[in-house]
Amino acid sequence: MRRRAGAWRWCVAAGAGALLWAASACSPAVDLDPRVATELQEAVEDLARAAAEGRYDSADVAADRVREMLERAAEDEAVSLGRYRAIDDALTRTQAEIDRMRVEEPLVP
């Protein structure tokens, strides 16, 4: 059972990595304000760390923070529609993995 938990955590880390990539401002066109990109990257790192450590409630809080930041960036026109969709999709997939992990193993205090 311990081996399975490690595999699930790896999957969430990979999903968070995809989210981090989606939130980065490395594309040739500026479709995400660099300041917003930095803030999103920090929030995604918090999410990945919490999920990897099995702190799913903390990961949920971090995911909510990422989503709020993304929505605010969209309102401020600091993110393109394409980048918004990529980040939103990666965040949704990451949250689904966290939900699966929560069912598979107990919470860590």
N, C-alpha and C. Protein backbone atom coordinates (compact mmCIF):
# COMPACT_ATOMS: atom_id res chain seq x y z
N MET A 1 0.83 -1.19 0.00
CA MET A 1 0.00 0.00 0.00
C MET A 1 0.87 1.25 0.00
N ARG A 2 2.00 1.23 0.68
CA ARG A 2 2.89 2.37 0.76
C ARG A 2 3.43 2.71 -0.63
N ARG A 3 3.72 1.70 -1.42
CA ARG A 3 4.24 1.93 -2.77
C ARG A 3 3.20 2.65 -3.62
N ARG A 4 1.95 2.28 -3.47
CA ARG A 4 0.87 2.91 -4.24
C ARG A 4 0.74 4.39 -3.89
N ALA A 5 0.85 4.71 -2.61
CA ALA A 5 0.76 6.10 -2.18
C ALA A 5 1.86 6.92 -2.83
N GLY A 6 3.06 6.36 -2.90
CA GLY A 6 4.16 7.07 -3.54
C GLY A 6 3.89 7.32 -5.00
N ALA A 7 3.29 6.34 -5.67
CA ALA A 7 2.96 6.51 -7.09
C ALA A 7 1.92 7.60 -7.29
N TRP A 8 0.92 7.64 -6.42
CA TRP A 8 -0.10 8.68 -6.52
C TRP A 8 0.50 10.05 -6.29
N ARG A 9 1.37 10.13 -5.31
CA ARG A 9 2.00 11.42 -5.04
C ARG A 9 2.84 11.87 -6.22
N TRP A 10 3.50 10.92 -6.87
CA TRP A 10 4.28 11.26 -8.06
C TRP A 10 3.37 11.80 -9.14
N CYS A 11 2.20 11.20 -9.31
CA CYS A 11 1.24 11.67 -10.32
C CYS A 11 0.80 13.10 -10.03
N VAL A 12 0.53 13.38 -8.77
CA VAL A 12 0.11 14.74 -8.43
C VAL A 12 1.26 15.71 -8.65
N ALA A 13 2.47 15.30 -8.31
CA ALA A 13 3.62 16.16 -8.55
C ALA A 13 3.78 16.44 -10.04
N ALA A 14 3.54 15.41 -10.86
CA ALA A 14 3.63 15.60 -12.31
C ALA A 14 2.53 16.55 -12.78
N GLY A 15 1.34 16.40 -12.24
CA GLY A 15 0.24 17.30 -12.60
C GLY A 15 0.55 18.73 -12.18
N ALA A 16 1.11 18.87 -11.00
CA ALA A 16 1.48 20.21 -10.54
C ALA A 16 2.61 20.77 -11.39
N GLY A 17 3.49 19.89 -11.86
CA GLY A 17 4.54 20.34 -12.77
C GLY A 17 3.96 20.88 -14.06
N ALA A 18 2.95 20.19 -14.57
CA ALA A 18 2.27 20.67 -15.78
C ALA A 18 1.60 22.01 -15.50
N LEU A 19 1.03 22.13 -14.32
CA LEU A 19 0.41 23.39 -13.93
C LEU A 19 1.45 24.50 -13.84
N LEU A 20 2.60 24.17 -13.27
CA LEU A 20 3.68 25.14 -13.17
C LEU A 20 4.13 25.59 -14.55
N TRP A 21 4.26 24.64 -15.47
CA TRP A 21 4.65 24.98 -16.83
C TRP A 21 3.59 25.88 -17.47
N ALA A 22 2.33 25.53 -17.29
CA ALA A 22 1.25 26.32 -17.89
C ALA A 22 1.24 27.74 -17.33
N ALA A 23 1.65 27.88 -16.08
CA ALA A 23 1.63 29.19 -15.45
C ALA A 23 2.89 30.01 -15.74
N SER A 24 3.89 29.38 -16.31
CA SER A 24 5.14 30.12 -16.56
C SER A 24 4.97 31.06 -17.74
N ALA A 25 5.79 32.05 -17.77
CA ALA A 25 5.72 33.05 -18.85
C ALA A 25 6.85 32.82 -19.83
N CYS A 26 7.01 31.59 -20.31
CA CYS A 26 8.15 31.28 -21.16
C CYS A 26 7.80 31.26 -22.64
N SER A 27 6.58 31.55 -23.01
CA SER A 27 6.22 31.53 -24.42
C SER A 27 6.73 32.80 -25.09
N PRO A 28 6.91 32.75 -26.42
CA PRO A 28 7.43 33.92 -27.10
C PRO A 28 6.51 35.14 -26.98
N ALA A 29 5.22 34.95 -27.07
CA ALA A 29 4.29 36.06 -26.93
C ALA A 29 3.99 36.26 -25.45
N VAL A 30 3.80 37.50 -25.06
CA VAL A 30 3.49 37.77 -23.66
C VAL A 30 1.99 37.54 -23.48
N ASP A 31 1.67 36.32 -23.03
CA ASP A 31 0.26 36.01 -22.81
C ASP A 31 -0.05 35.84 -21.33
N LEU A 32 0.95 36.16 -20.51
CA LEU A 32 0.77 36.15 -19.06
C LEU A 32 1.74 37.17 -18.48
N ASP A 33 1.19 38.11 -17.76
CA ASP A 33 2.02 39.14 -17.14
C ASP A 33 3.11 38.48 -16.29
N PRO A 34 4.37 38.89 -16.44
CA PRO A 34 5.47 38.26 -15.70
C PRO A 34 5.29 38.28 -14.19
N ARG A 35 4.74 39.35 -13.66
CA ARG A 35 4.49 39.43 -12.21
C ARG A 35 3.47 38.39 -11.78
N VAL A 36 2.41 38.27 -12.57
CA VAL A 36 1.37 37.28 -12.29
C VAL A 36 1.95 35.87 -12.41
N ALA A 37 2.79 35.65 -13.42
CA ALA A 37 3.41 34.34 -13.61
C ALA A 37 4.23 33.95 -12.39
N THR A 38 4.99 34.88 -11.86
CA THR A 38 5.81 34.60 -10.67
C THR A 38 4.94 34.25 -9.48
N GLU A 39 3.88 35.01 -9.28
CA GLU A 39 2.97 34.74 -8.16
C GLU A 39 2.29 33.38 -8.32
N LEU A 40 1.86 33.05 -9.54
CA LEU A 40 1.23 31.76 -9.79
C LEU A 40 2.21 30.62 -9.55
N GLN A 41 3.44 30.79 -10.01
CA GLN A 41 4.45 29.74 -9.82
C GLN A 41 4.67 29.46 -8.34
N GLU A 42 4.75 30.50 -7.53
CA GLU A 42 4.94 30.31 -6.09
C GLU A 42 3.76 29.57 -5.48
N ALA A 43 2.56 29.93 -5.89
CA ALA A 43 1.36 29.27 -5.36
C ALA A 43 1.30 27.81 -5.80
N VAL A 44 1.70 27.54 -7.04
CA VAL A 44 1.71 26.16 -7.55
C VAL A 44 2.75 25.33 -6.81
N GLU A 45 3.89 25.92 -6.50
CA GLU A 45 4.91 25.20 -5.73
C GLU A 45 4.36 24.82 -4.36
N ASP A 46 3.61 25.72 -3.72
CA ASP A 46 2.98 25.41 -2.43
C ASP A 46 2.01 24.25 -2.58
N LEU A 47 1.22 24.27 -3.64
CA LEU A 47 0.26 23.20 -3.91
C LEU A 47 0.99 21.87 -4.09
N ALA A 48 2.03 21.85 -4.90
CA ALA A 48 2.77 20.61 -5.18
C ALA A 48 3.42 20.07 -3.91
N ARG A 49 4.00 20.95 -3.12
CA ARG A 49 4.66 20.53 -1.88
C ARG A 49 3.64 19.90 -0.93
N ALA A 50 2.50 20.56 -0.75
CA ALA A 50 1.48 20.03 0.16
C ALA A 50 0.97 18.68 -0.32
N ALA A 51 0.70 18.55 -1.61
CA ALA A 51 0.20 17.28 -2.15
C ALA A 51 1.24 16.18 -2.01
N ALA A 52 2.49 16.49 -2.31
CA ALA A 52 3.55 15.49 -2.22
C ALA A 52 3.76 15.00 -0.79
N GLU A 53 3.47 15.87 0.17
CA GLU A 53 3.61 15.51 1.58
C GLU A 53 2.34 14.88 2.14
N GLY A 54 1.32 14.73 1.31
CA GLY A 54 0.07 14.13 1.77
C GLY A 54 -0.81 15.06 2.58
N ARG A 55 -0.54 16.35 2.53
CA ARG A 55 -1.35 17.35 3.24
C ARG A 55 -2.41 17.88 2.28
N TYR A 56 -3.44 17.06 2.08
CA TYR A 56 -4.43 17.35 1.04
C TYR A 56 -5.29 18.57 1.33
N ASP A 57 -5.59 18.82 2.61
CA ASP A 57 -6.36 20.02 2.94
C ASP A 57 -5.56 21.27 2.58
N SER A 58 -4.27 21.24 2.87
CA SER A 58 -3.41 22.37 2.50
C SER A 58 -3.29 22.49 0.99
N ALA A 59 -3.26 21.36 0.31
CA ALA A 59 -3.20 21.38 -1.15
C ALA A 59 -4.48 22.00 -1.72
N ASP A 60 -5.62 21.69 -1.11
CA ASP A 60 -6.89 22.29 -1.55
C ASP A 60 -6.87 23.81 -1.37
N VAL A 61 -6.35 24.26 -0.24
CA VAL A 61 -6.27 25.70 0.02
C VAL A 61 -5.36 26.34 -1.02
N ALA A 62 -4.23 25.72 -1.32
CA ALA A 62 -3.31 26.26 -2.32
C ALA A 62 -3.94 26.26 -3.70
N ALA A 63 -4.70 25.22 -4.03
CA ALA A 63 -5.38 25.16 -5.34
C ALA A 63 -6.42 26.29 -5.44
N ASP A 64 -7.14 26.52 -4.36
CA ASP A 64 -8.11 27.62 -4.35
C ASP A 64 -7.41 28.96 -4.56
N ARG A 65 -6.24 29.10 -3.95
CA ARG A 65 -5.47 30.34 -4.11
C ARG A 65 -5.04 30.52 -5.56
N VAL A 66 -4.57 29.44 -6.19
CA VAL A 66 -4.18 29.51 -7.60
C VAL A 66 -5.38 29.92 -8.45
N ARG A 67 -6.52 29.30 -8.20
CA ARG A 67 -7.72 29.60 -8.98
C ARG A 67 -8.14 31.07 -8.80
N GLU A 68 -8.10 31.57 -7.57
CA GLU A 68 -8.44 32.97 -7.32
C GLU A 68 -7.48 33.91 -8.05
N MET A 69 -6.19 33.59 -8.01
CA MET A 69 -5.19 34.42 -8.68
C MET A 69 -5.43 34.40 -10.19
N LEU A 70 -5.77 33.24 -10.72
CA LEU A 70 -6.03 33.11 -12.15
C LEU A 70 -7.25 33.94 -12.55
N GLU A 71 -8.31 33.86 -11.76
CA GLU A 71 -9.52 34.63 -12.04
C GLU A 71 -9.24 36.14 -12.00
N ARG A 72 -8.46 36.55 -11.00
CA ARG A 72 -8.11 37.97 -10.89
C ARG A 72 -7.28 38.42 -12.09
N ALA A 73 -6.35 37.57 -12.53
CA ALA A 73 -5.52 37.89 -13.71
C ALA A 73 -6.40 38.03 -14.95
N ALA A 74 -7.41 37.18 -15.06
CA ALA A 74 -8.32 37.26 -16.21
C ALA A 74 -9.11 38.57 -16.16
N GLU A 75 -9.60 38.92 -14.98
CA GLU A 75 -10.34 40.18 -14.83
C GLU A 75 -9.48 41.39 -15.17
N ASP A 76 -8.20 41.31 -14.82
CA ASP A 76 -7.26 42.41 -15.07
C ASP A 76 -6.65 42.35 -16.48
N GLU A 77 -7.08 41.36 -17.27
CA GLU A 77 -6.54 41.14 -18.61
C GLU A 77 -5.03 40.94 -18.60
N ALA A 78 -4.55 40.25 -17.56
CA ALA A 78 -3.12 39.96 -17.42
C ALA A 78 -2.78 38.56 -17.91
N VAL A 79 -3.77 37.86 -18.46
CA VAL A 79 -3.55 36.51 -18.99
C VAL A 79 -4.39 36.37 -20.26
N SER A 80 -3.79 35.74 -21.28
CA SER A 80 -4.54 35.52 -22.51
C SER A 80 -5.55 34.39 -22.31
N LEU A 81 -6.52 34.33 -23.18
CA LEU A 81 -7.53 33.28 -23.09
C LEU A 81 -6.90 31.89 -23.21
N GLY A 82 -5.96 31.74 -24.13
CA GLY A 82 -5.30 30.45 -24.32
C GLY A 82 -4.52 30.02 -23.09
N ARG A 83 -3.77 30.94 -22.50
CA ARG A 83 -2.99 30.60 -21.30
C ARG A 83 -3.93 30.34 -20.13
N TYR A 84 -4.99 31.13 -20.02
CA TYR A 84 -5.99 30.92 -18.97
C TYR A 84 -6.54 29.49 -19.04
N ARG A 85 -6.91 29.08 -20.23
CA ARG A 85 -7.48 27.74 -20.41
C ARG A 85 -6.47 26.66 -20.06
N ALA A 86 -5.20 26.85 -20.44
CA ALA A 86 -4.17 25.85 -20.14
C ALA A 86 -3.96 25.72 -18.63
N ILE A 87 -3.89 26.85 -17.95
CA ILE A 87 -3.70 26.82 -16.50
C ILE A 87 -4.92 26.22 -15.82
N ASP A 88 -6.10 26.64 -16.23
CA ASP A 88 -7.34 26.15 -15.64
C ASP A 88 -7.46 24.63 -15.83
N ASP A 89 -7.15 24.15 -17.02
CA ASP A 89 -7.22 22.71 -17.29
C ASP A 89 -6.22 21.93 -16.43
N ALA A 90 -4.99 22.42 -16.34
CA ALA A 90 -3.98 21.75 -15.52
C ALA A 90 -4.38 21.76 -14.05
N LEU A 91 -4.95 22.86 -13.59
CA LEU A 91 -5.38 22.95 -12.20
C LEU A 91 -6.53 21.98 -11.93
N THR A 92 -7.46 21.89 -12.85
CA THR A 92 -8.58 20.95 -12.69
C THR A 92 -8.08 19.51 -12.61
N ARG A 93 -7.14 19.15 -13.49
CA ARG A 93 -6.57 17.79 -13.46
C ARG A 93 -5.81 17.53 -12.16
N THR A 94 -5.08 18.52 -11.70
CA THR A 94 -4.32 18.37 -10.45
C THR A 94 -5.27 18.19 -9.27
N GLN A 95 -6.34 18.97 -9.23
CA GLN A 95 -7.31 18.83 -8.14
C GLN A 95 -7.98 17.46 -8.18
N ALA A 96 -8.24 16.93 -9.36
CA ALA A 96 -8.83 15.60 -9.47
C ALA A 96 -7.87 14.53 -8.93
N GLU A 97 -6.58 14.68 -9.19
CA GLU A 97 -5.58 13.74 -8.67
C GLU A 97 -5.51 13.82 -7.15
N ILE A 98 -5.58 15.02 -6.62
CA ILE A 98 -5.56 15.19 -5.16
C ILE A 98 -6.79 14.50 -4.55
N ASP A 99 -7.94 14.66 -5.18
CA ASP A 99 -9.15 14.00 -4.69
C ASP A 99 -8.99 12.49 -4.70
N ARG A 100 -8.39 11.95 -5.76
CA ARG A 100 -8.15 10.50 -5.82
C ARG A 100 -7.20 10.06 -4.72
N MET A 101 -6.16 10.84 -4.49
CA MET A 101 -5.19 10.48 -3.46
C MET A 101 -5.83 10.49 -2.08
N ARG A 102 -6.70 11.44 -1.86
CA ARG A 102 -7.37 11.56 -0.56
C ARG A 102 -8.17 10.29 -0.26
N VAL A 103 -8.77 9.70 -1.26
CA VAL A 103 -9.55 8.47 -1.09
C VAL A 103 -8.62 7.29 -0.85
N GLU A 104 -7.47 7.29 -1.50
CA GLU A 104 -6.55 6.16 -1.44
C GLU A 104 -5.76 6.05 -0.14
N GLU A 105 -5.49 7.17 0.52
CA GLU A 105 -4.69 7.11 1.74
C GLU A 105 -5.20 8.13 2.74
N PRO A 106 -4.95 7.90 4.01
CA PRO A 106 -5.43 8.83 5.05
C PRO A 106 -4.69 10.15 5.01
N LEU A 107 -5.32 11.16 5.61
CA LEU A 107 -4.72 12.49 5.71
C LEU A 107 -3.54 12.50 6.66
N VAL A 108 -2.58 13.34 6.38
CA VAL A 108 -1.45 13.57 7.27
C VAL A 108 -1.76 14.85 8.04
N PRO A 109 -1.65 14.83 9.36
CA PRO A 109 -1.98 16.04 10.13
C PRO A 109 -1.01 17.17 9.87
